[in-house]
Amino acid sequence: MQRDFTFQRRAILVVLGLLLAADLGLAVYSWELASSPHTPQAEFDAQSLQLKVLRGDIKSAQDIKDNMPATRKDCEKFEQSLPPVTTGSSSMSDELDEIAKKSGLQIVTRTYKQKEIPNRGMVEVTIAATVSGDYGSVVRFVNGLQRSKSFYVVDGLALTSDTRNQAATGAISVGLHVRTYFRDAV
């Protein structure tokens, strides 16, 4: 009988310990809920703001979708305005020389790399050039490229080291990376 009583006492103590642990866990959880700044109104306001942002995103996407035919038409018009690669390459070289002459600088080196753009009927020509002149002439040259009737993308400018005449004349040497596009001759 003593043994049954000891077993019962231990079982009661274990159950009581579990109840105390659960009570302590619920007390901590209740304290965290009470101390958090989230109220139902604050949560509602946050969700309303999120809904407003999502509706704005949906409206922007719908506007893009609605404007897509006009955008496609503009892209096709732009592509058709590009010169054909057969005549465009020589005219591009002449135009670069003319812009350089008007800017007052000299094109020291120039290399071309041609790459077809699949499924577009276009050819991308990458130009790596080194130009030499004063700072103002380099700025005028880049401005001339931007204002050209031809389409040029200036990817980068880098000051190169050519110390032979720079100190005496104030000239700088600049590496220039430019891209342009032509219609394929198909």
N, C-alpha and C. Protein backbone atom coordinates (compact mmCIF):
# COMPACT_ATOMS: atom_id res chain seq x y z
N MET A 1 0.81 -1.19 0.00
CA MET A 1 0.00 0.00 0.00
C MET A 1 0.86 1.26 0.00
N GLN A 2 1.96 1.16 0.74
CA GLN A 2 2.89 2.28 0.80
C GLN A 2 3.43 2.58 -0.60
N ARG A 3 3.67 1.52 -1.35
CA ARG A 3 4.20 1.66 -2.68
C ARG A 3 3.21 2.36 -3.60
N ASP A 4 1.94 2.05 -3.54
CA ASP A 4 0.91 2.68 -4.36
C ASP A 4 0.79 4.16 -4.02
N PHE A 5 0.91 4.45 -2.71
CA PHE A 5 0.81 5.84 -2.30
C PHE A 5 2.00 6.65 -2.84
N THR A 6 3.21 6.10 -2.83
CA THR A 6 4.39 6.78 -3.34
C THR A 6 4.24 7.01 -4.85
N PHE A 7 3.74 6.00 -5.56
CA PHE A 7 3.53 6.14 -7.00
C PHE A 7 2.49 7.22 -7.29
N GLN A 8 1.42 7.25 -6.53
CA GLN A 8 0.37 8.26 -6.72
C GLN A 8 0.92 9.65 -6.44
N ARG A 9 1.70 9.75 -5.40
CA ARG A 9 2.27 11.04 -5.02
C ARG A 9 3.21 11.55 -6.13
N ARG A 10 4.02 10.67 -6.68
CA ARG A 10 4.91 11.06 -7.76
C ARG A 10 4.12 11.46 -9.00
N ALA A 11 3.09 10.74 -9.34
CA ALA A 11 2.25 11.05 -10.49
C ALA A 11 1.59 12.40 -10.32
N ILE A 12 1.13 12.68 -9.10
CA ILE A 12 0.48 13.97 -8.83
C ILE A 12 1.51 15.10 -8.95
N LEU A 13 2.71 14.87 -8.45
CA LEU A 13 3.75 15.90 -8.53
C LEU A 13 4.16 16.15 -10.00
N VAL A 14 4.25 15.10 -10.80
CA VAL A 14 4.59 15.27 -12.22
C VAL A 14 3.51 16.05 -12.93
N VAL A 15 2.23 15.69 -12.70
CA VAL A 15 1.12 16.41 -13.33
C VAL A 15 1.11 17.85 -12.86
N LEU A 16 1.34 18.09 -11.58
CA LEU A 16 1.37 19.44 -11.03
C LEU A 16 2.52 20.24 -11.66
N GLY A 17 3.68 19.60 -11.85
CA GLY A 17 4.82 20.26 -12.49
C GLY A 17 4.50 20.64 -13.93
N LEU A 18 3.85 19.72 -14.64
CA LEU A 18 3.46 20.02 -16.02
C LEU A 18 2.47 21.18 -16.08
N LEU A 19 1.51 21.20 -15.15
CA LEU A 19 0.55 22.31 -15.11
C LEU A 19 1.24 23.63 -14.80
N LEU A 20 2.21 23.61 -13.88
CA LEU A 20 2.94 24.83 -13.55
C LEU A 20 3.78 25.31 -14.75
N ALA A 21 4.39 24.37 -15.47
CA ALA A 21 5.19 24.73 -16.65
C ALA A 21 4.29 25.33 -17.73
N ALA A 22 3.12 24.71 -17.94
CA ALA A 22 2.18 25.24 -18.93
C ALA A 22 1.69 26.62 -18.51
N ASP A 23 1.41 26.78 -17.22
CA ASP A 23 0.95 28.08 -16.72
C ASP A 23 2.03 29.14 -16.90
N LEU A 24 3.28 28.76 -16.63
CA LEU A 24 4.38 29.70 -16.81
C LEU A 24 4.54 30.06 -18.29
N GLY A 25 4.44 29.09 -19.19
CA GLY A 25 4.51 29.36 -20.63
C GLY A 25 3.41 30.28 -21.09
N LEU A 26 2.18 30.05 -20.62
CA LEU A 26 1.06 30.92 -20.99
C LEU A 26 1.23 32.32 -20.41
N ALA A 27 1.82 32.43 -19.21
CA ALA A 27 2.05 33.74 -18.62
C ALA A 27 3.05 34.54 -19.46
N VAL A 28 4.14 33.87 -19.93
CA VAL A 28 5.13 34.55 -20.77
C VAL A 28 4.49 34.98 -22.10
N TYR A 29 3.72 34.10 -22.69
CA TYR A 29 3.05 34.42 -23.96
C TYR A 29 2.08 35.59 -23.78
N SER A 30 1.33 35.59 -22.69
CA SER A 30 0.39 36.68 -22.40
C SER A 30 1.13 37.99 -22.19
N TRP A 31 2.27 37.93 -21.51
CA TRP A 31 3.04 39.14 -21.26
C TRP A 31 3.58 39.70 -22.58
N GLU A 32 4.06 38.82 -23.50
CA GLU A 32 4.54 39.28 -24.80
C GLU A 32 3.43 39.91 -25.62
N LEU A 33 2.25 39.32 -25.58
CA LEU A 33 1.12 39.91 -26.32
C LEU A 33 0.75 41.27 -25.76
N ALA A 34 0.77 41.41 -24.46
CA ALA A 34 0.39 42.67 -23.83
C ALA A 34 1.43 43.76 -24.11
N SER A 35 2.70 43.37 -24.21
CA SER A 35 3.74 44.38 -24.40
C SER A 35 3.99 44.71 -25.86
N SER A 36 3.47 43.92 -26.80
CA SER A 36 3.70 44.21 -28.22
C SER A 36 2.85 45.40 -28.65
N PRO A 37 3.40 46.23 -29.55
CA PRO A 37 2.69 47.44 -29.96
C PRO A 37 1.57 47.17 -30.96
N HIS A 38 1.41 45.93 -31.40
CA HIS A 38 0.40 45.62 -32.40
C HIS A 38 -0.98 45.54 -31.77
N THR A 39 -1.80 46.40 -32.24
CA THR A 39 -3.21 46.36 -31.87
C THR A 39 -3.98 45.96 -33.11
N PRO A 40 -5.19 45.53 -32.95
CA PRO A 40 -5.96 45.18 -34.14
C PRO A 40 -6.05 46.34 -35.14
N GLN A 41 -6.15 47.57 -34.66
CA GLN A 41 -6.24 48.72 -35.55
C GLN A 41 -4.92 48.93 -36.28
N ALA A 42 -3.80 48.76 -35.59
CA ALA A 42 -2.49 48.93 -36.22
C ALA A 42 -2.27 47.85 -37.28
N GLU A 43 -2.66 46.62 -36.99
CA GLU A 43 -2.55 45.55 -37.97
C GLU A 43 -3.43 45.82 -39.17
N PHE A 44 -4.62 46.32 -38.94
CA PHE A 44 -5.55 46.66 -40.03
C PHE A 44 -4.95 47.76 -40.91
N ASP A 45 -4.38 48.77 -40.26
CA ASP A 45 -3.76 49.87 -41.02
C ASP A 45 -2.58 49.36 -41.85
N ALA A 46 -1.76 48.49 -41.28
CA ALA A 46 -0.61 47.94 -42.01
C ALA A 46 -1.08 47.11 -43.20
N GLN A 47 -2.10 46.32 -43.01
CA GLN A 47 -2.63 45.51 -44.11
C GLN A 47 -3.30 46.39 -45.16
N SER A 48 -3.95 47.46 -44.75
CA SER A 48 -4.56 48.39 -45.71
C SER A 48 -3.49 49.06 -46.55
N LEU A 49 -2.38 49.45 -45.93
CA LEU A 49 -1.27 50.06 -46.66
C LEU A 49 -0.68 49.06 -47.65
N GLN A 50 -0.50 47.83 -47.21
CA GLN A 50 0.04 46.79 -48.09
C GLN A 50 -0.90 46.55 -49.27
N LEU A 51 -2.20 46.54 -49.01
CA LEU A 51 -3.19 46.37 -50.08
C LEU A 51 -3.13 47.53 -51.07
N LYS A 52 -2.94 48.74 -50.56
CA LYS A 52 -2.84 49.92 -51.43
C LYS A 52 -1.61 49.81 -52.33
N VAL A 53 -0.49 49.37 -51.77
CA VAL A 53 0.74 49.21 -52.56
C VAL A 53 0.53 48.13 -53.63
N LEU A 54 -0.08 47.02 -53.26
CA LEU A 54 -0.32 45.95 -54.23
C LEU A 54 -1.27 46.40 -55.33
N ARG A 55 -2.28 47.16 -54.99
CA ARG A 55 -3.19 47.68 -56.02
C ARG A 55 -2.46 48.63 -56.97
N GLY A 56 -1.53 49.43 -56.41
CA GLY A 56 -0.72 50.31 -57.26
C GLY A 56 0.16 49.52 -58.22
N ASP A 57 0.74 48.42 -57.72
CA ASP A 57 1.56 47.56 -58.57
C ASP A 57 0.71 46.93 -59.68
N ILE A 58 -0.49 46.51 -59.34
CA ILE A 58 -1.38 45.92 -60.33
C ILE A 58 -1.76 46.95 -61.38
N LYS A 59 -2.03 48.18 -60.94
CA LYS A 59 -2.38 49.24 -61.89
C LYS A 59 -1.21 49.54 -62.82
N SER A 60 0.01 49.58 -62.27
CA SER A 60 1.20 49.82 -63.11
C SER A 60 1.38 48.71 -64.13
N ALA A 61 1.19 47.47 -63.69
CA ALA A 61 1.32 46.34 -64.61
C ALA A 61 0.26 46.40 -65.70
N GLN A 62 -0.95 46.81 -65.33
CA GLN A 62 -2.03 46.92 -66.32
C GLN A 62 -1.74 48.04 -67.32
N ASP A 63 -1.18 49.15 -66.83
CA ASP A 63 -0.81 50.24 -67.74
C ASP A 63 0.27 49.79 -68.72
N ILE A 64 1.25 49.03 -68.22
CA ILE A 64 2.30 48.51 -69.10
C ILE A 64 1.68 47.59 -70.15
N LYS A 65 0.79 46.73 -69.71
CA LYS A 65 0.13 45.81 -70.63
C LYS A 65 -0.68 46.58 -71.68
N ASP A 66 -1.38 47.62 -71.25
CA ASP A 66 -2.19 48.43 -72.18
C ASP A 66 -1.33 49.18 -73.18
N ASN A 67 -0.14 49.62 -72.75
CA ASN A 67 0.75 50.39 -73.62
C ASN A 67 1.67 49.51 -74.46
N MET A 68 1.63 48.21 -74.27
CA MET A 68 2.55 47.32 -74.97
C MET A 68 2.43 47.40 -76.50
N PRO A 69 1.24 47.45 -77.10
CA PRO A 69 1.19 47.57 -78.57
C PRO A 69 1.89 48.83 -79.09
N ALA A 70 1.69 49.95 -78.41
CA ALA A 70 2.34 51.19 -78.84
C ALA A 70 3.85 51.09 -78.65
N THR A 71 4.28 50.46 -77.57
CA THR A 71 5.71 50.29 -77.32
C THR A 71 6.34 49.40 -78.39
N ARG A 72 5.65 48.31 -78.73
CA ARG A 72 6.15 47.43 -79.78
C ARG A 72 6.26 48.18 -81.11
N LYS A 73 5.25 48.98 -81.40
CA LYS A 73 5.24 49.75 -82.65
C LYS A 73 6.41 50.74 -82.66
N ASP A 74 6.67 51.39 -81.53
CA ASP A 74 7.79 52.32 -81.43
C ASP A 74 9.13 51.60 -81.60
N CYS A 75 9.25 50.41 -81.02
CA CYS A 75 10.49 49.63 -81.17
C CYS A 75 10.71 49.23 -82.62
N GLU A 76 9.65 48.80 -83.29
CA GLU A 76 9.78 48.43 -84.70
C GLU A 76 10.13 49.65 -85.55
N LYS A 77 9.54 50.79 -85.21
CA LYS A 77 9.86 52.03 -85.93
C LYS A 77 11.33 52.40 -85.73
N PHE A 78 11.82 52.25 -84.50
CA PHE A 78 13.22 52.53 -84.21
C PHE A 78 14.13 51.58 -84.99
N GLU A 79 13.81 50.29 -84.97
CA GLU A 79 14.63 49.31 -85.68
C GLU A 79 14.67 49.61 -87.17
N GLN A 80 13.55 50.05 -87.73
CA GLN A 80 13.52 50.37 -89.16
C GLN A 80 14.29 51.65 -89.47
N SER A 81 14.44 52.51 -88.46
CA SER A 81 15.18 53.76 -88.68
C SER A 81 16.70 53.54 -88.69
N LEU A 82 17.15 52.39 -88.22
CA LEU A 82 18.58 52.11 -88.22
C LEU A 82 19.07 51.88 -89.64
N PRO A 83 20.27 52.35 -89.94
CA PRO A 83 20.80 52.13 -91.30
C PRO A 83 21.16 50.66 -91.49
N PRO A 84 21.16 50.19 -92.73
CA PRO A 84 21.57 48.81 -92.97
C PRO A 84 23.07 48.65 -92.73
N VAL A 85 23.45 47.47 -92.31
CA VAL A 85 24.85 47.23 -91.96
C VAL A 85 25.78 47.40 -93.16
N THR A 86 25.28 47.18 -94.36
CA THR A 86 26.14 47.29 -95.54
C THR A 86 26.62 48.71 -95.77
N THR A 87 25.77 49.70 -95.54
CA THR A 87 26.17 51.10 -95.75
C THR A 87 26.48 51.81 -94.44
N GLY A 88 25.97 51.28 -93.34
CA GLY A 88 26.12 51.97 -92.06
C GLY A 88 27.51 51.95 -91.50
N SER A 89 28.27 50.89 -91.75
CA SER A 89 29.61 50.79 -91.17
C SER A 89 30.54 51.89 -91.66
N SER A 90 30.53 52.14 -92.95
CA SER A 90 31.42 53.18 -93.47
C SER A 90 30.94 54.57 -93.06
N SER A 91 29.63 54.76 -93.06
CA SER A 91 29.12 56.07 -92.65
C SER A 91 29.38 56.31 -91.17
N MET A 92 29.38 55.25 -90.35
CA MET A 92 29.66 55.40 -88.92
C MET A 92 31.11 55.85 -88.73
N SER A 93 32.02 55.25 -89.46
CA SER A 93 33.43 55.63 -89.35
C SER A 93 33.64 57.08 -89.77
N ASP A 94 32.99 57.47 -90.86
CA ASP A 94 33.09 58.87 -91.32
C ASP A 94 32.50 59.81 -90.29
N GLU A 95 31.36 59.42 -89.70
CA GLU A 95 30.71 60.28 -88.72
C GLU A 95 31.57 60.44 -87.47
N LEU A 96 32.20 59.36 -87.01
CA LEU A 96 33.08 59.47 -85.84
C LEU A 96 34.25 60.40 -86.13
N ASP A 97 34.82 60.30 -87.32
CA ASP A 97 35.91 61.19 -87.70
C ASP A 97 35.46 62.65 -87.72
N GLU A 98 34.26 62.88 -88.24
CA GLU A 98 33.73 64.25 -88.32
C GLU A 98 33.45 64.82 -86.92
N ILE A 99 32.86 64.01 -86.05
CA ILE A 99 32.60 64.47 -84.68
C ILE A 99 33.92 64.76 -83.98
N ALA A 100 34.93 63.92 -84.18
CA ALA A 100 36.24 64.14 -83.56
C ALA A 100 36.86 65.44 -84.07
N LYS A 101 36.76 65.67 -85.36
CA LYS A 101 37.33 66.89 -85.95
C LYS A 101 36.64 68.13 -85.39
N LYS A 102 35.29 68.12 -85.33
CA LYS A 102 34.56 69.27 -84.78
C LYS A 102 34.86 69.48 -83.30
N SER A 103 35.15 68.39 -82.58
CA SER A 103 35.42 68.49 -81.15
C SER A 103 36.84 68.96 -80.86
N GLY A 104 37.72 68.82 -81.84
CA GLY A 104 39.10 69.23 -81.64
C GLY A 104 39.96 68.16 -80.98
N LEU A 105 39.63 66.91 -81.22
CA LEU A 105 40.47 65.84 -80.71
C LEU A 105 40.83 64.87 -81.81
N GLN A 106 41.71 63.97 -81.49
CA GLN A 106 42.20 63.03 -82.47
C GLN A 106 41.85 61.61 -82.01
N ILE A 107 41.33 60.80 -82.93
CA ILE A 107 41.10 59.38 -82.64
C ILE A 107 42.42 58.67 -82.92
N VAL A 108 43.05 58.16 -81.84
CA VAL A 108 44.37 57.54 -81.96
C VAL A 108 44.23 56.10 -82.44
N THR A 109 43.38 55.32 -81.78
CA THR A 109 43.14 53.93 -82.19
C THR A 109 41.64 53.69 -82.21
N ARG A 110 41.27 52.69 -83.03
CA ARG A 110 39.84 52.38 -83.14
C ARG A 110 39.72 50.92 -83.59
N THR A 111 38.92 50.13 -82.85
CA THR A 111 38.64 48.75 -83.25
C THR A 111 37.13 48.53 -83.21
N TYR A 112 36.68 47.67 -84.12
CA TYR A 112 35.25 47.37 -84.23
C TYR A 112 35.05 45.88 -83.98
N LYS A 113 33.98 45.55 -83.31
CA LYS A 113 33.59 44.16 -83.14
C LYS A 113 32.11 44.06 -83.47
N GLN A 114 31.79 43.20 -84.41
CA GLN A 114 30.41 43.08 -84.91
C GLN A 114 29.80 41.78 -84.37
N LYS A 115 28.53 41.86 -83.92
CA LYS A 115 27.85 40.68 -83.39
C LYS A 115 26.38 40.74 -83.81
N GLU A 116 25.90 39.66 -84.40
CA GLU A 116 24.50 39.61 -84.79
C GLU A 116 23.63 39.36 -83.56
N ILE A 117 22.47 39.99 -83.56
CA ILE A 117 21.51 39.78 -82.49
C ILE A 117 20.46 38.81 -83.04
N PRO A 118 20.43 37.59 -82.51
CA PRO A 118 19.52 36.58 -83.08
C PRO A 118 18.05 36.98 -82.95
N ASN A 119 17.28 36.61 -83.95
CA ASN A 119 15.83 36.80 -83.99
C ASN A 119 15.39 38.26 -83.98
N ARG A 120 16.30 39.20 -84.19
CA ARG A 120 15.92 40.61 -84.22
C ARG A 120 16.24 41.25 -85.56
N GLY A 121 17.07 40.61 -86.37
CA GLY A 121 17.45 41.21 -87.64
C GLY A 121 18.32 42.43 -87.44
N MET A 122 19.11 42.42 -86.38
CA MET A 122 19.97 43.56 -86.06
C MET A 122 21.40 43.09 -85.84
N VAL A 123 22.33 44.02 -86.01
CA VAL A 123 23.74 43.77 -85.76
C VAL A 123 24.22 44.83 -84.77
N GLU A 124 24.90 44.37 -83.73
CA GLU A 124 25.49 45.27 -82.74
C GLU A 124 26.96 45.45 -83.08
N VAL A 125 27.40 46.69 -83.14
CA VAL A 125 28.81 46.98 -83.39
C VAL A 125 29.37 47.67 -82.15
N THR A 126 30.40 47.05 -81.58
CA THR A 126 31.07 47.61 -80.42
C THR A 126 32.35 48.29 -80.89
N ILE A 127 32.54 49.52 -80.46
CA ILE A 127 33.70 50.31 -80.87
C ILE A 127 34.55 50.57 -79.63
N ALA A 128 35.80 50.19 -79.71
CA ALA A 128 36.77 50.52 -78.66
C ALA A 128 37.75 51.49 -79.30
N ALA A 129 37.81 52.69 -78.75
CA ALA A 129 38.67 53.72 -79.35
C ALA A 129 39.46 54.42 -78.25
N THR A 130 40.59 54.96 -78.66
CA THR A 130 41.37 55.83 -77.79
C THR A 130 41.41 57.19 -78.47
N VAL A 131 41.00 58.21 -77.72
CA VAL A 131 41.00 59.57 -78.26
C VAL A 131 41.95 60.42 -77.44
N SER A 132 42.50 61.42 -78.08
CA SER A 132 43.46 62.28 -77.41
C SER A 132 43.09 63.73 -77.67
N GLY A 133 43.06 64.51 -76.61
CA GLY A 133 42.74 65.93 -76.71
C GLY A 133 42.64 66.51 -75.31
N ASP A 134 42.22 67.74 -75.21
CA ASP A 134 42.04 68.31 -73.88
C ASP A 134 40.68 67.89 -73.33
N TYR A 135 40.45 68.22 -72.07
CA TYR A 135 39.22 67.80 -71.40
C TYR A 135 37.98 68.31 -72.13
N GLY A 136 37.98 69.55 -72.53
CA GLY A 136 36.83 70.14 -73.22
C GLY A 136 36.53 69.44 -74.54
N SER A 137 37.57 69.06 -75.26
CA SER A 137 37.33 68.38 -76.54
C SER A 137 36.75 66.99 -76.33
N VAL A 138 37.16 66.32 -75.26
CA VAL A 138 36.57 65.00 -74.95
C VAL A 138 35.09 65.15 -74.61
N VAL A 139 34.77 66.16 -73.83
CA VAL A 139 33.37 66.41 -73.47
C VAL A 139 32.56 66.74 -74.72
N ARG A 140 33.12 67.59 -75.61
CA ARG A 140 32.42 67.92 -76.86
C ARG A 140 32.23 66.68 -77.74
N PHE A 141 33.21 65.78 -77.74
CA PHE A 141 33.10 64.56 -78.54
C PHE A 141 31.96 63.67 -78.01
N VAL A 142 31.92 63.47 -76.71
CA VAL A 142 30.84 62.64 -76.13
C VAL A 142 29.49 63.31 -76.37
N ASN A 143 29.44 64.63 -76.23
CA ASN A 143 28.21 65.37 -76.49
C ASN A 143 27.80 65.21 -77.96
N GLY A 144 28.78 65.24 -78.87
CA GLY A 144 28.50 65.05 -80.29
C GLY A 144 27.94 63.67 -80.57
N LEU A 145 28.45 62.65 -79.87
CA LEU A 145 27.90 61.29 -80.02
C LEU A 145 26.45 61.24 -79.55
N GLN A 146 26.17 61.90 -78.43
CA GLN A 146 24.81 61.89 -77.89
C GLN A 146 23.83 62.65 -78.78
N ARG A 147 24.30 63.69 -79.44
CA ARG A 147 23.42 64.51 -80.29
C ARG A 147 23.37 64.03 -81.73
N SER A 148 24.12 63.00 -82.05
CA SER A 148 24.17 62.49 -83.41
C SER A 148 22.81 61.93 -83.83
N LYS A 149 22.54 61.99 -85.12
CA LYS A 149 21.32 61.38 -85.65
C LYS A 149 21.40 59.87 -85.58
N SER A 150 22.62 59.33 -85.58
CA SER A 150 22.83 57.89 -85.40
C SER A 150 22.68 57.56 -83.93
N PHE A 151 22.46 56.29 -83.66
CA PHE A 151 22.23 55.85 -82.29
C PHE A 151 23.53 55.28 -81.72
N TYR A 152 24.07 55.94 -80.69
CA TYR A 152 25.27 55.49 -80.02
C TYR A 152 25.00 55.34 -78.53
N VAL A 153 25.53 54.26 -77.95
CA VAL A 153 25.46 54.05 -76.51
C VAL A 153 26.89 54.12 -75.99
N VAL A 154 27.17 55.10 -75.15
CA VAL A 154 28.50 55.22 -74.56
C VAL A 154 28.52 54.34 -73.31
N ASP A 155 29.27 53.23 -73.39
CA ASP A 155 29.35 52.29 -72.27
C ASP A 155 30.36 52.71 -71.23
N GLY A 156 31.41 53.41 -71.64
CA GLY A 156 32.38 53.79 -70.63
C GLY A 156 33.50 54.65 -71.19
N LEU A 157 34.07 55.43 -70.29
CA LEU A 157 35.23 56.26 -70.58
C LEU A 157 36.28 55.91 -69.53
N ALA A 158 37.53 55.81 -69.95
CA ALA A 158 38.60 55.53 -68.99
C ALA A 158 39.83 56.34 -69.37
N LEU A 159 40.36 57.04 -68.41
CA LEU A 159 41.58 57.80 -68.62
C LEU A 159 42.73 56.82 -68.79
N THR A 160 43.45 56.94 -69.91
CA THR A 160 44.56 56.02 -70.17
C THR A 160 45.88 56.74 -69.92
N SER A 161 46.92 55.97 -69.75
CA SER A 161 48.22 56.58 -69.45
C SER A 161 49.03 56.75 -70.72
N ASP A 162 49.22 57.99 -71.07
CA ASP A 162 50.08 58.37 -72.19
C ASP A 162 50.79 59.64 -71.74
N THR A 163 51.90 59.47 -71.09
CA THR A 163 52.57 60.61 -70.45
C THR A 163 53.53 61.33 -71.37
N ARG A 164 53.64 60.96 -72.63
CA ARG A 164 54.60 61.60 -73.54
C ARG A 164 54.30 63.08 -73.73
N ASN A 165 53.07 63.41 -74.11
CA ASN A 165 52.77 64.80 -74.44
C ASN A 165 51.76 65.43 -73.49
N GLN A 166 51.26 64.67 -72.54
CA GLN A 166 50.19 65.18 -71.70
C GLN A 166 50.63 66.36 -70.84
N ALA A 167 51.76 66.25 -70.20
CA ALA A 167 52.19 67.30 -69.28
C ALA A 167 52.46 68.61 -70.00
N ALA A 168 53.07 68.53 -71.16
CA ALA A 168 53.44 69.75 -71.88
C ALA A 168 52.23 70.41 -72.53
N THR A 169 51.34 69.63 -73.11
CA THR A 169 50.24 70.22 -73.87
C THR A 169 48.92 70.26 -73.11
N GLY A 170 48.81 69.56 -72.02
CA GLY A 170 47.54 69.51 -71.29
C GLY A 170 46.57 68.52 -71.91
N ALA A 171 47.05 67.72 -72.84
CA ALA A 171 46.19 66.74 -73.51
C ALA A 171 46.00 65.52 -72.62
N ILE A 172 44.86 64.92 -72.75
CA ILE A 172 44.59 63.67 -72.06
C ILE A 172 44.25 62.61 -73.09
N SER A 173 44.45 61.38 -72.71
CA SER A 173 44.13 60.25 -73.57
C SER A 173 43.03 59.46 -72.88
N VAL A 174 41.94 59.22 -73.61
CA VAL A 174 40.77 58.58 -73.01
C VAL A 174 40.39 57.35 -73.83
N GLY A 175 40.21 56.23 -73.12
CA GLY A 175 39.69 55.02 -73.75
C GLY A 175 38.16 55.12 -73.77
N LEU A 176 37.58 54.82 -74.89
CA LEU A 176 36.14 55.02 -75.08
C LEU A 176 35.53 53.71 -75.57
N HIS A 177 34.42 53.31 -74.96
CA HIS A 177 33.69 52.10 -75.38
C HIS A 177 32.28 52.52 -75.77
N VAL A 178 31.95 52.28 -77.04
CA VAL A 178 30.67 52.73 -77.60
C VAL A 178 30.02 51.56 -78.33
N ARG A 179 28.70 51.49 -78.28
CA ARG A 179 27.95 50.52 -79.07
C ARG A 179 27.00 51.25 -79.99
N THR A 180 26.75 50.65 -81.15
CA THR A 180 25.75 51.15 -82.07
C THR A 180 25.10 49.95 -82.74
N TYR A 181 23.99 50.19 -83.42
CA TYR A 181 23.22 49.09 -84.01
C TYR A 181 22.87 49.40 -85.46
N PHE A 182 22.79 48.34 -86.26
CA PHE A 182 22.41 48.44 -87.67
C PHE A 182 21.38 47.34 -87.97
N ARG A 183 20.60 47.62 -89.01
CA ARG A 183 19.69 46.58 -89.50
C ARG A 183 20.51 45.54 -90.23
N ASP A 184 20.14 44.30 -90.11
CA ASP A 184 20.81 43.24 -90.85
C ASP A 184 20.48 43.40 -92.32
N ALA A 185 21.40 43.04 -93.18
CA ALA A 185 21.25 43.26 -94.61
C ALA A 185 20.37 42.20 -95.28
N VAL A 186 19.56 41.52 -94.52
CA VAL A 186 18.72 40.44 -95.08
C VAL A 186 17.57 41.00 -95.86
